[in-house]
Amino acid sequence: MSIRPTIPDFSYERLAIGQGACRVVGVDEVGRGPLCGPVTAAAVWLDPDHLPAGLRDSKKLSAKARLVFSEHIQTHADIGIGHASPAEIDKLNILQATFLAMHRAVSALRVAPDHLLIDGNRLPKNLACPAQAVVKGDGRSMSVAAASIIAKTARDAIMAELAQHYPGYGWERNAGYPTKCHLNAIANLGPTPEHRRSFKPIRKILCPEST
């Protein structure tokens, strides 16, 4: 028997609204696994009257489809985007840097939320409103799925621009993930200022005696 894929809907949002929330916002991040560039988070409030049909987790969409959804979301939603830099990742660790990016994304919203739906099983500390962790939320909640799309398109654009400054690493294609092409480029060209020095492949090159 085949298992039908999970399709995000608005049930998490409606439940929170039914319990008294007025502004339910989805939060998701992208970029925890790459060897370089920022980790990026997005916070999205979807207008219940303009829910984008066919919305999916960003990983289930083509780059072209993500851009189409991103344009719709930016037209009909309130969005905030936040980043944590490679230096902040190295200083804080990737989890805490992700939480920092989430805080920044929520703070960038035009209107403050009163309930957050955050992808994953852990919540950042010191949030300004109640929050709910939703495991695999980008496949369950439309707001979280929208946040995943906004975060992905925003970070991909940053990596494509950085690729112009640091040619040879293929960031416009691999977005900084440890593909064979990227790893070979690091070995041949060395790390850039955008690489995360605390990540093992980069640390191994910079400090071989410590690995």
N, C-alpha and C. Protein backbone atom coordinates (compact mmCIF):
# COMPACT_ATOMS: atom_id res chain seq x y z
N MET A 1 0.85 -1.19 0.00
CA MET A 1 0.00 0.00 0.00
C MET A 1 0.88 1.24 0.00
N SER A 2 0.67 2.15 -0.93
CA SER A 2 1.47 3.36 -1.01
C SER A 2 0.99 4.37 0.02
N ILE A 3 1.91 5.18 0.50
CA ILE A 3 1.59 6.21 1.47
C ILE A 3 1.47 7.55 0.75
N ARG A 4 0.36 8.19 0.89
CA ARG A 4 0.16 9.47 0.23
C ARG A 4 1.03 10.54 0.88
N PRO A 5 1.67 11.39 0.08
CA PRO A 5 2.52 12.42 0.65
C PRO A 5 1.70 13.44 1.44
N THR A 6 2.31 13.95 2.48
CA THR A 6 1.65 14.97 3.28
C THR A 6 1.54 16.27 2.48
N ILE A 7 0.38 16.87 2.48
CA ILE A 7 0.17 18.14 1.80
C ILE A 7 -0.13 19.20 2.85
N PRO A 8 0.62 20.28 2.88
CA PRO A 8 0.37 21.30 3.90
C PRO A 8 -1.02 21.93 3.75
N ASP A 9 -1.66 22.17 4.88
CA ASP A 9 -2.96 22.83 4.86
C ASP A 9 -2.97 23.93 5.92
N PHE A 10 -4.15 24.46 6.19
CA PHE A 10 -4.27 25.61 7.10
C PHE A 10 -4.83 25.20 8.45
N SER A 11 -4.78 23.89 8.77
CA SER A 11 -5.43 23.43 10.00
C SER A 11 -4.70 23.90 11.26
N TYR A 12 -3.36 23.91 11.25
CA TYR A 12 -2.62 24.41 12.42
C TYR A 12 -2.96 25.87 12.69
N GLU A 13 -3.05 26.64 11.61
CA GLU A 13 -3.37 28.06 11.75
C GLU A 13 -4.79 28.26 12.28
N ARG A 14 -5.73 27.50 11.72
CA ARG A 14 -7.13 27.64 12.16
C ARG A 14 -7.30 27.23 13.62
N LEU A 15 -6.57 26.22 14.04
CA LEU A 15 -6.64 25.79 15.44
C LEU A 15 -6.16 26.90 16.36
N ALA A 16 -5.03 27.54 16.01
CA ALA A 16 -4.51 28.64 16.83
C ALA A 16 -5.46 29.82 16.83
N ILE A 17 -6.06 30.10 15.67
CA ILE A 17 -7.02 31.20 15.59
C ILE A 17 -8.24 30.89 16.45
N GLY A 18 -8.67 29.65 16.43
CA GLY A 18 -9.81 29.24 17.24
C GLY A 18 -9.54 29.35 18.73
N GLN A 19 -8.26 29.33 19.11
CA GLN A 19 -7.89 29.46 20.51
C GLN A 19 -7.56 30.91 20.89
N GLY A 20 -7.85 31.84 19.97
CA GLY A 20 -7.72 33.26 20.30
C GLY A 20 -6.62 34.02 19.60
N ALA A 21 -5.78 33.34 18.82
CA ALA A 21 -4.71 34.05 18.10
C ALA A 21 -5.30 34.83 16.93
N CYS A 22 -4.70 35.96 16.64
CA CYS A 22 -5.14 36.78 15.51
C CYS A 22 -4.14 36.77 14.36
N ARG A 23 -2.88 36.63 14.70
CA ARG A 23 -1.82 36.73 13.69
C ARG A 23 -0.89 35.52 13.83
N VAL A 24 -1.19 34.47 13.07
CA VAL A 24 -0.42 33.22 13.15
C VAL A 24 0.63 33.22 12.04
N VAL A 25 1.86 33.04 12.42
CA VAL A 25 2.98 33.16 11.48
C VAL A 25 3.78 31.86 11.44
N GLY A 26 4.12 31.41 10.24
CA GLY A 26 4.98 30.25 10.07
C GLY A 26 6.44 30.66 9.95
N VAL A 27 7.32 29.86 10.51
CA VAL A 27 8.76 30.16 10.49
C VAL A 27 9.52 28.91 10.04
N ASP A 28 10.46 29.12 9.13
CA ASP A 28 11.31 28.01 8.69
C ASP A 28 12.67 28.57 8.31
N GLU A 29 13.65 27.67 8.21
CA GLU A 29 15.01 28.09 7.87
C GLU A 29 15.56 27.22 6.74
N VAL A 30 16.62 27.71 6.14
CA VAL A 30 17.36 26.95 5.15
C VAL A 30 18.83 27.30 5.31
N GLY A 31 19.69 26.32 5.03
CA GLY A 31 21.11 26.62 5.04
C GLY A 31 21.86 26.13 6.25
N ARG A 32 21.34 25.13 6.95
CA ARG A 32 22.10 24.59 8.08
C ARG A 32 23.23 23.67 7.61
N GLY A 33 23.04 23.02 6.48
CA GLY A 33 24.01 22.04 6.01
C GLY A 33 25.15 22.54 5.15
N PRO A 34 25.03 23.68 4.48
CA PRO A 34 26.11 24.15 3.61
C PRO A 34 27.40 24.44 4.37
N LEU A 35 28.49 24.50 3.62
CA LEU A 35 29.80 24.80 4.20
C LEU A 35 30.10 26.29 4.18
N CYS A 36 29.23 27.07 3.56
CA CYS A 36 29.50 28.51 3.47
C CYS A 36 28.19 29.27 3.38
N GLY A 37 28.31 30.60 3.48
CA GLY A 37 27.14 31.45 3.38
C GLY A 37 26.33 31.48 4.67
N PRO A 38 25.30 32.30 4.69
CA PRO A 38 24.49 32.45 5.89
C PRO A 38 23.51 31.31 6.08
N VAL A 39 22.99 31.18 7.29
CA VAL A 39 21.78 30.42 7.50
C VAL A 39 20.65 31.44 7.46
N THR A 40 19.58 31.11 6.76
CA THR A 40 18.52 32.08 6.48
C THR A 40 17.18 31.57 7.00
N ALA A 41 16.44 32.43 7.66
CA ALA A 41 15.11 32.09 8.15
C ALA A 41 14.09 33.06 7.57
N ALA A 42 12.88 32.58 7.43
CA ALA A 42 11.77 33.43 6.99
C ALA A 42 10.59 33.24 7.92
N ALA A 43 9.85 34.31 8.14
CA ALA A 43 8.61 34.29 8.90
C ALA A 43 7.50 34.80 7.97
N VAL A 44 6.41 34.07 7.88
CA VAL A 44 5.36 34.43 6.92
C VAL A 44 3.98 34.36 7.58
N TRP A 45 3.24 35.46 7.45
CA TRP A 45 1.81 35.46 7.78
C TRP A 45 1.05 35.41 6.47
N LEU A 46 0.24 34.38 6.28
CA LEU A 46 -0.58 34.24 5.08
C LEU A 46 -1.96 34.82 5.31
N ASP A 47 -2.42 35.62 4.36
CA ASP A 47 -3.79 36.13 4.39
C ASP A 47 -4.73 34.96 4.13
N PRO A 48 -5.62 34.63 5.08
CA PRO A 48 -6.54 33.50 4.87
C PRO A 48 -7.40 33.63 3.62
N ASP A 49 -7.58 34.87 3.12
CA ASP A 49 -8.38 35.08 1.92
C ASP A 49 -7.58 34.95 0.63
N HIS A 50 -6.26 34.79 0.75
CA HIS A 50 -5.41 34.67 -0.45
C HIS A 50 -4.40 33.54 -0.26
N LEU A 51 -4.88 32.36 0.12
CA LEU A 51 -3.99 31.22 0.30
C LEU A 51 -3.57 30.69 -1.07
N PRO A 52 -2.27 30.53 -1.29
CA PRO A 52 -1.80 30.06 -2.60
C PRO A 52 -2.11 28.59 -2.83
N ALA A 53 -2.85 28.30 -3.88
CA ALA A 53 -3.23 26.91 -4.19
C ALA A 53 -1.99 26.12 -4.61
N GLY A 54 -1.94 24.86 -4.15
CA GLY A 54 -0.84 23.99 -4.54
C GLY A 54 0.45 24.21 -3.79
N LEU A 55 0.40 24.96 -2.71
CA LEU A 55 1.61 25.26 -1.95
C LEU A 55 2.23 23.98 -1.40
N ARG A 56 3.55 23.88 -1.49
CA ARG A 56 4.28 22.71 -1.03
C ARG A 56 5.55 23.15 -0.30
N ASP A 57 6.13 22.22 0.44
CA ASP A 57 7.46 22.39 1.00
C ASP A 57 8.41 22.75 -0.13
N SER A 58 9.31 23.71 0.11
CA SER A 58 10.21 24.20 -0.94
C SER A 58 11.03 23.08 -1.56
N LYS A 59 11.36 22.05 -0.77
CA LYS A 59 12.18 20.94 -1.29
C LYS A 59 11.41 20.11 -2.31
N LYS A 60 10.09 20.23 -2.34
CA LYS A 60 9.28 19.45 -3.28
C LYS A 60 8.97 20.23 -4.56
N LEU A 61 9.52 21.44 -4.67
CA LEU A 61 9.22 22.30 -5.81
C LEU A 61 10.46 22.54 -6.66
N SER A 62 10.26 22.77 -7.94
CA SER A 62 11.36 23.18 -8.81
C SER A 62 11.73 24.62 -8.50
N ALA A 63 12.91 25.04 -8.96
CA ALA A 63 13.34 26.42 -8.74
C ALA A 63 12.35 27.39 -9.37
N LYS A 64 11.83 27.05 -10.55
CA LYS A 64 10.87 27.93 -11.22
C LYS A 64 9.58 28.04 -10.42
N ALA A 65 9.09 26.91 -9.90
CA ALA A 65 7.86 26.93 -9.11
C ALA A 65 8.06 27.71 -7.82
N ARG A 66 9.23 27.59 -7.19
CA ARG A 66 9.50 28.36 -5.97
C ARG A 66 9.42 29.85 -6.24
N LEU A 67 9.96 30.29 -7.37
CA LEU A 67 9.91 31.72 -7.69
C LEU A 67 8.48 32.19 -7.92
N VAL A 68 7.67 31.36 -8.56
CA VAL A 68 6.26 31.73 -8.78
C VAL A 68 5.53 31.87 -7.45
N PHE A 69 5.71 30.89 -6.58
CA PHE A 69 5.07 30.96 -5.27
C PHE A 69 5.63 32.13 -4.46
N SER A 70 6.92 32.36 -4.55
CA SER A 70 7.54 33.46 -3.80
C SER A 70 6.92 34.80 -4.19
N GLU A 71 6.69 35.00 -5.47
CA GLU A 71 6.07 36.25 -5.92
C GLU A 71 4.66 36.39 -5.38
N HIS A 72 3.89 35.30 -5.40
CA HIS A 72 2.52 35.34 -4.86
C HIS A 72 2.55 35.64 -3.37
N ILE A 73 3.42 34.96 -2.64
CA ILE A 73 3.49 35.15 -1.19
C ILE A 73 3.87 36.58 -0.85
N GLN A 74 4.84 37.13 -1.56
CA GLN A 74 5.28 38.49 -1.27
C GLN A 74 4.20 39.51 -1.59
N THR A 75 3.31 39.18 -2.52
CA THR A 75 2.22 40.09 -2.88
C THR A 75 1.10 40.07 -1.85
N HIS A 76 0.80 38.89 -1.30
CA HIS A 76 -0.39 38.74 -0.46
C HIS A 76 -0.09 38.44 1.00
N ALA A 77 1.15 38.47 1.42
CA ALA A 77 1.48 38.08 2.79
C ALA A 77 2.40 39.11 3.43
N ASP A 78 2.54 38.96 4.72
CA ASP A 78 3.53 39.74 5.48
C ASP A 78 4.72 38.81 5.71
N ILE A 79 5.89 39.21 5.24
CA ILE A 79 7.06 38.35 5.37
C ILE A 79 8.20 39.08 6.06
N GLY A 80 8.99 38.31 6.78
CA GLY A 80 10.23 38.82 7.38
C GLY A 80 11.33 37.82 7.08
N ILE A 81 12.51 38.32 6.78
CA ILE A 81 13.66 37.46 6.48
C ILE A 81 14.81 37.83 7.40
N GLY A 82 15.47 36.81 7.93
CA GLY A 82 16.62 37.05 8.81
C GLY A 82 17.76 36.12 8.46
N HIS A 83 18.97 36.58 8.69
CA HIS A 83 20.16 35.79 8.39
C HIS A 83 21.09 35.76 9.61
N ALA A 84 21.91 34.73 9.68
CA ALA A 84 23.05 34.71 10.58
C ALA A 84 24.27 34.40 9.72
N SER A 85 25.31 35.18 9.89
CA SER A 85 26.48 35.11 9.03
C SER A 85 27.37 33.91 9.35
N PRO A 86 28.29 33.57 8.45
CA PRO A 86 29.26 32.52 8.77
C PRO A 86 30.02 32.78 10.06
N ALA A 87 30.38 34.04 10.31
CA ALA A 87 31.09 34.36 11.55
C ALA A 87 30.23 34.09 12.77
N GLU A 88 28.94 34.41 12.67
CA GLU A 88 28.02 34.15 13.79
C GLU A 88 27.81 32.65 13.97
N ILE A 89 27.75 31.91 12.87
CA ILE A 89 27.64 30.46 12.95
C ILE A 89 28.85 29.88 13.68
N ASP A 90 30.03 30.35 13.32
CA ASP A 90 31.26 29.85 13.96
C ASP A 90 31.31 30.20 15.44
N LYS A 91 30.79 31.36 15.78
CA LYS A 91 30.82 31.82 17.17
C LYS A 91 29.78 31.11 18.04
N LEU A 92 28.58 30.93 17.50
CA LEU A 92 27.45 30.46 18.30
C LEU A 92 27.19 28.96 18.19
N ASN A 93 27.51 28.36 17.09
CA ASN A 93 27.18 27.02 16.59
C ASN A 93 25.94 27.15 15.68
N ILE A 94 25.75 26.17 14.82
CA ILE A 94 24.73 26.30 13.78
C ILE A 94 23.31 26.34 14.35
N LEU A 95 23.04 25.62 15.43
CA LEU A 95 21.69 25.64 16.00
C LEU A 95 21.35 27.01 16.54
N GLN A 96 22.24 27.57 17.36
CA GLN A 96 21.96 28.88 17.95
C GLN A 96 21.94 29.98 16.89
N ALA A 97 22.77 29.83 15.85
CA ALA A 97 22.74 30.81 14.76
C ALA A 97 21.42 30.72 14.00
N THR A 98 20.89 29.51 13.87
CA THR A 98 19.58 29.34 13.23
C THR A 98 18.50 30.04 14.05
N PHE A 99 18.54 29.87 15.36
CA PHE A 99 17.56 30.55 16.22
C PHE A 99 17.70 32.08 16.11
N LEU A 100 18.94 32.56 16.00
CA LEU A 100 19.17 33.99 15.84
C LEU A 100 18.53 34.48 14.54
N ALA A 101 18.71 33.73 13.45
CA ALA A 101 18.10 34.11 12.18
C ALA A 101 16.58 34.11 12.28
N MET A 102 16.02 33.17 13.03
CA MET A 102 14.57 33.13 13.21
C MET A 102 14.08 34.35 13.97
N HIS A 103 14.78 34.72 15.04
CA HIS A 103 14.43 35.93 15.77
C HIS A 103 14.43 37.14 14.84
N ARG A 104 15.45 37.25 14.02
CA ARG A 104 15.56 38.38 13.11
C ARG A 104 14.44 38.37 12.07
N ALA A 105 14.07 37.20 11.60
CA ALA A 105 12.98 37.11 10.63
C ALA A 105 11.66 37.56 11.25
N VAL A 106 11.37 37.11 12.45
CA VAL A 106 10.12 37.51 13.12
C VAL A 106 10.12 39.01 13.38
N SER A 107 11.27 39.56 13.78
CA SER A 107 11.36 41.00 14.05
C SER A 107 11.18 41.84 12.79
N ALA A 108 11.43 41.24 11.62
CA ALA A 108 11.33 41.98 10.36
C ALA A 108 9.91 42.03 9.81
N LEU A 109 8.96 41.34 10.43
CA LEU A 109 7.57 41.40 9.99
C LEU A 109 7.02 42.81 10.18
N ARG A 110 6.11 43.21 9.31
CA ARG A 110 5.50 44.54 9.45
C ARG A 110 4.60 44.60 10.68
N VAL A 111 3.88 43.50 10.93
CA VAL A 111 2.97 43.43 12.08
C VAL A 111 3.43 42.29 12.98
N ALA A 112 3.52 42.56 14.26
CA ALA A 112 4.00 41.53 15.20
C ALA A 112 3.01 40.37 15.29
N PRO A 113 3.48 39.15 15.31
CA PRO A 113 2.59 37.99 15.43
C PRO A 113 2.17 37.77 16.87
N ASP A 114 1.12 36.96 17.07
CA ASP A 114 0.76 36.56 18.43
C ASP A 114 0.80 35.04 18.59
N HIS A 115 1.20 34.34 17.52
CA HIS A 115 1.41 32.88 17.60
C HIS A 115 2.34 32.48 16.47
N LEU A 116 3.34 31.63 16.81
CA LEU A 116 4.30 31.17 15.81
C LEU A 116 4.21 29.66 15.63
N LEU A 117 4.30 29.23 14.39
CA LEU A 117 4.43 27.82 14.05
C LEU A 117 5.83 27.64 13.49
N ILE A 118 6.70 26.95 14.22
CA ILE A 118 8.12 26.87 13.85
C ILE A 118 8.47 25.45 13.45
N ASP A 119 9.06 25.32 12.27
CA ASP A 119 9.44 24.01 11.78
C ASP A 119 10.50 23.37 12.68
N GLY A 120 10.33 22.09 12.98
CA GLY A 120 11.32 21.38 13.79
C GLY A 120 10.76 20.92 15.12
N ASN A 121 11.67 20.49 15.99
CA ASN A 121 11.25 19.97 17.29
C ASN A 121 11.80 20.78 18.46
N ARG A 122 12.42 21.93 18.15
CA ARG A 122 12.95 22.80 19.20
C ARG A 122 12.58 24.24 18.89
N LEU A 123 12.44 25.02 19.96
CA LEU A 123 12.05 26.42 19.80
C LEU A 123 13.16 27.34 20.28
N PRO A 124 13.35 28.47 19.61
CA PRO A 124 14.26 29.49 20.14
C PRO A 124 13.78 30.00 21.49
N LYS A 125 14.69 30.46 22.30
CA LYS A 125 14.31 31.03 23.59
C LYS A 125 13.93 32.51 23.42
N ASN A 126 13.22 33.01 24.42
CA ASN A 126 12.91 34.44 24.52
C ASN A 126 12.10 34.97 23.34
N LEU A 127 11.17 34.17 22.85
CA LEU A 127 10.28 34.65 21.80
C LEU A 127 9.26 35.61 22.41
N ALA A 128 8.80 36.54 21.60
CA ALA A 128 7.90 37.58 22.10
C ALA A 128 6.44 37.14 22.16
N CYS A 129 6.14 35.93 21.69
CA CYS A 129 4.76 35.44 21.71
C CYS A 129 4.78 33.92 21.80
N PRO A 130 3.65 33.30 22.10
CA PRO A 130 3.61 31.84 22.16
C PRO A 130 4.03 31.21 20.83
N ALA A 131 4.64 30.04 20.92
CA ALA A 131 5.12 29.36 19.72
C ALA A 131 4.90 27.87 19.84
N GLN A 132 4.78 27.22 18.72
CA GLN A 132 4.56 25.78 18.65
C GLN A 132 5.56 25.18 17.69
N ALA A 133 6.31 24.18 18.13
CA ALA A 133 7.21 23.45 17.23
C ALA A 133 6.40 22.43 16.45
N VAL A 134 6.58 22.41 15.15
CA VAL A 134 5.85 21.49 14.28
C VAL A 134 6.87 20.66 13.51
N VAL A 135 7.01 19.40 13.88
CA VAL A 135 7.95 18.52 13.20
C VAL A 135 7.51 18.32 11.76
N LYS A 136 8.44 18.51 10.83
CA LYS A 136 8.15 18.45 9.40
C LYS A 136 7.04 19.43 9.05
N GLY A 137 7.11 20.58 9.69
CA GLY A 137 6.07 21.58 9.51
C GLY A 137 5.93 22.10 8.10
N ASP A 138 7.03 22.10 7.33
CA ASP A 138 6.93 22.59 5.96
C ASP A 138 6.10 21.68 5.07
N GLY A 139 5.81 20.48 5.54
CA GLY A 139 4.93 19.58 4.82
C GLY A 139 3.55 19.49 5.42
N ARG A 140 3.31 20.25 6.50
CA ARG A 140 2.03 20.16 7.22
C ARG A 140 1.29 21.50 7.29
N SER A 141 2.02 22.56 7.48
CA SER A 141 1.42 23.89 7.66
C SER A 141 1.69 24.75 6.44
N MET A 142 0.66 25.38 5.90
CA MET A 142 0.85 26.25 4.74
C MET A 142 1.75 27.43 5.06
N SER A 143 1.63 27.96 6.27
CA SER A 143 2.45 29.12 6.64
C SER A 143 3.92 28.74 6.73
N VAL A 144 4.19 27.56 7.28
CA VAL A 144 5.57 27.10 7.38
C VAL A 144 6.11 26.76 5.99
N ALA A 145 5.28 26.14 5.15
CA ALA A 145 5.69 25.86 3.78
C ALA A 145 6.03 27.15 3.04
N ALA A 146 5.21 28.17 3.23
CA ALA A 146 5.48 29.47 2.61
C ALA A 146 6.80 30.04 3.11
N ALA A 147 7.05 29.90 4.41
CA ALA A 147 8.31 30.39 4.97
C ALA A 147 9.50 29.63 4.38
N SER A 148 9.33 28.34 4.14
CA SER A 148 10.42 27.55 3.56
C SER A 148 10.75 28.03 2.16
N ILE A 149 9.73 28.42 1.40
CA ILE A 149 9.93 28.91 0.04
C ILE A 149 10.63 30.27 0.05
N ILE A 150 10.18 31.16 0.92
CA ILE A 150 10.78 32.49 1.00
C ILE A 150 12.24 32.38 1.44
N ALA A 151 12.50 31.56 2.44
CA ALA A 151 13.87 31.40 2.93
C ALA A 151 14.78 30.82 1.85
N LYS A 152 14.28 29.80 1.14
CA LYS A 152 15.08 29.14 0.11
C LYS A 152 15.40 30.10 -1.04
N THR A 153 14.41 30.82 -1.55
CA THR A 153 14.66 31.72 -2.66
C THR A 153 15.58 32.86 -2.25
N ALA A 154 15.41 33.35 -1.02
CA ALA A 154 16.27 34.45 -0.54
C ALA A 154 17.72 33.99 -0.42
N ARG A 155 17.92 32.81 0.15
CA ARG A 155 19.31 32.35 0.33
C ARG A 155 19.95 31.97 -1.01
N ASP A 156 19.18 31.33 -1.88
CA ASP A 156 19.72 30.98 -3.20
C ASP A 156 20.19 32.23 -3.94
N ALA A 157 19.43 33.33 -3.82
CA ALA A 157 19.82 34.57 -4.48
C ALA A 157 21.13 35.11 -3.90
N ILE A 158 21.27 35.01 -2.58
CA ILE A 158 22.52 35.45 -1.94
C ILE A 158 23.70 34.63 -2.43
N MET A 159 23.53 33.32 -2.49
CA MET A 159 24.63 32.46 -2.91
C MET A 159 24.98 32.67 -4.38
N ALA A 160 23.99 32.94 -5.21
CA ALA A 160 24.28 33.22 -6.62
C ALA A 160 25.07 34.52 -6.76
N GLU A 161 24.73 35.51 -5.93
CA GLU A 161 25.49 36.76 -5.97
C GLU A 161 26.91 36.57 -5.44
N LEU A 162 27.06 35.81 -4.34
CA LEU A 162 28.40 35.54 -3.81
C LEU A 162 29.25 34.77 -4.82
N ALA A 163 28.60 33.94 -5.63
CA ALA A 163 29.34 33.17 -6.63
C ALA A 163 30.03 34.08 -7.64
N GLN A 164 29.47 35.28 -7.85
CA GLN A 164 30.11 36.23 -8.76
C GLN A 164 31.41 36.77 -8.17
N HIS A 165 31.46 36.86 -6.86
CA HIS A 165 32.66 37.38 -6.18
C HIS A 165 33.70 36.29 -5.95
N TYR A 166 33.23 35.05 -5.86
CA TYR A 166 34.13 33.92 -5.60
C TYR A 166 33.88 32.84 -6.65
N PRO A 167 34.32 33.05 -7.88
CA PRO A 167 34.07 32.07 -8.94
C PRO A 167 34.86 30.78 -8.71
N GLY A 168 34.33 29.71 -9.24
CA GLY A 168 35.03 28.44 -9.18
C GLY A 168 34.45 27.45 -8.19
N TYR A 169 33.62 27.93 -7.25
CA TYR A 169 33.07 27.03 -6.22
C TYR A 169 31.68 26.50 -6.60
N GLY A 170 31.07 27.08 -7.61
CA GLY A 170 29.77 26.59 -8.08
C GLY A 170 28.60 26.92 -7.17
N TRP A 171 28.72 27.98 -6.40
CA TRP A 171 27.65 28.29 -5.44
C TRP A 171 26.33 28.60 -6.10
N GLU A 172 26.37 29.10 -7.36
CA GLU A 172 25.12 29.38 -8.06
C GLU A 172 24.36 28.10 -8.36
N ARG A 173 25.05 26.96 -8.29
CA ARG A 173 24.42 25.65 -8.52
C ARG A 173 24.24 24.85 -7.23
N ASN A 174 25.24 24.87 -6.37
CA ASN A 174 25.18 24.01 -5.17
C ASN A 174 24.78 24.75 -3.90
N ALA A 175 24.64 26.09 -3.98
CA ALA A 175 24.22 26.91 -2.84
C ALA A 175 25.09 26.71 -1.60
N GLY A 176 26.33 26.24 -1.82
CA GLY A 176 27.26 26.08 -0.71
C GLY A 176 27.24 24.71 -0.06
N TYR A 177 26.36 23.81 -0.52
CA TYR A 177 26.33 22.47 0.05
C TYR A 177 27.59 21.69 -0.37
N PRO A 178 27.96 20.67 0.39
CA PRO A 178 29.22 19.97 0.13
C PRO A 178 29.14 18.97 -1.02
N THR A 179 28.88 19.47 -2.22
CA THR A 179 28.91 18.62 -3.40
C THR A 179 30.36 18.28 -3.75
N LYS A 180 30.53 17.31 -4.61
CA LYS A 180 31.88 16.93 -5.03
C LYS A 180 32.60 18.11 -5.69
N CYS A 181 31.88 18.85 -6.53
CA CYS A 181 32.45 20.02 -7.19
C CYS A 181 32.92 21.05 -6.17
N HIS A 182 32.09 21.31 -5.16
CA HIS A 182 32.43 22.30 -4.15
C HIS A 182 33.63 21.85 -3.32
N LEU A 183 33.65 20.60 -2.92
CA LEU A 183 34.75 20.09 -2.11
C LEU A 183 36.06 20.12 -2.90
N ASN A 184 35.99 19.78 -4.19
CA ASN A 184 37.19 19.84 -5.02
C ASN A 184 37.70 21.27 -5.14
N ALA A 185 36.77 22.23 -5.27
CA ALA A 185 37.16 23.63 -5.38
C ALA A 185 37.83 24.12 -4.09
N ILE A 186 37.30 23.70 -2.95
CA ILE A 186 37.91 24.09 -1.68
C ILE A 186 39.33 23.53 -1.58
N ALA A 187 39.49 22.28 -2.01
CA ALA A 187 40.82 21.65 -1.96
C ALA A 187 41.80 22.36 -2.88
N ASN A 188 41.31 22.82 -4.04
CA ASN A 188 42.20 23.44 -5.02
C ASN A 188 42.40 24.94 -4.82
N LEU A 189 41.35 25.61 -4.40
CA LEU A 189 41.39 27.07 -4.28
C LEU A 189 41.51 27.55 -2.84
N GLY A 190 41.18 26.67 -1.90
CA GLY A 190 41.19 27.06 -0.50
C GLY A 190 39.87 27.67 -0.06
N PRO A 191 39.63 27.77 1.24
CA PRO A 191 38.40 28.38 1.75
C PRO A 191 38.37 29.89 1.48
N THR A 192 37.18 30.42 1.41
CA THR A 192 36.97 31.86 1.26
C THR A 192 36.53 32.45 2.61
N PRO A 193 36.43 33.78 2.71
CA PRO A 193 35.88 34.37 3.93
C PRO A 193 34.43 33.99 4.21
N GLU A 194 33.74 33.47 3.20
CA GLU A 194 32.34 33.07 3.37
C GLU A 194 32.20 31.65 3.89
N HIS A 195 33.28 30.90 3.98
CA HIS A 195 33.20 29.53 4.48
C HIS A 195 33.12 29.50 6.01
N ARG A 196 32.46 28.48 6.50
CA ARG A 196 32.24 28.32 7.94
C ARG A 196 33.43 27.55 8.53
N ARG A 197 34.26 28.25 9.24
CA ARG A 197 35.49 27.64 9.74
C ARG A 197 35.28 26.57 10.80
N SER A 198 34.13 26.56 11.44
CA SER A 198 33.84 25.56 12.46
C SER A 198 33.35 24.25 11.88
N PHE A 199 33.04 24.22 10.58
CA PHE A 199 32.56 22.99 9.94
C PHE A 199 33.76 22.12 9.57
N LYS A 200 33.62 20.83 9.79
CA LYS A 200 34.77 19.91 9.73
C LYS A 200 35.56 19.98 8.43
N PRO A 201 34.93 19.97 7.24
CA PRO A 201 35.75 20.00 6.02
C PRO A 201 36.62 21.25 5.90
N ILE A 202 36.12 22.38 6.43
CA ILE A 202 36.90 23.62 6.37
C ILE A 202 37.95 23.62 7.48
N ARG A 203 37.55 23.20 8.66
CA ARG A 203 38.49 23.13 9.79
C ARG A 203 39.65 22.20 9.48
N LYS A 204 39.36 21.12 8.76
CA LYS A 204 40.39 20.14 8.43
C LYS A 204 41.46 20.75 7.53
N ILE A 205 41.05 21.64 6.64
CA ILE A 205 42.00 22.31 5.74
C ILE A 205 42.79 23.38 6.48
N LEU A 206 42.08 24.16 7.31
CA LEU A 206 42.74 25.27 8.01
C LEU A 206 43.61 24.81 9.16
N CYS A 207 43.19 23.78 9.85
CA CYS A 207 43.93 23.29 11.04
C CYS A 207 44.05 21.77 10.96
N PRO A 208 44.83 21.25 10.03
CA PRO A 208 44.91 19.79 9.88
C PRO A 208 45.41 19.07 11.12
N GLU A 209 46.22 19.75 11.93
CA GLU A 209 46.76 19.09 13.11
C GLU A 209 45.72 18.90 14.21
N SER A 210 44.60 19.61 14.13
CA SER A 210 43.58 19.52 15.17
C SER A 210 42.50 18.50 14.86
N THR A 211 42.53 17.90 13.66
CA THR A 211 41.48 16.95 13.29
C THR A 211 41.95 15.52 13.43
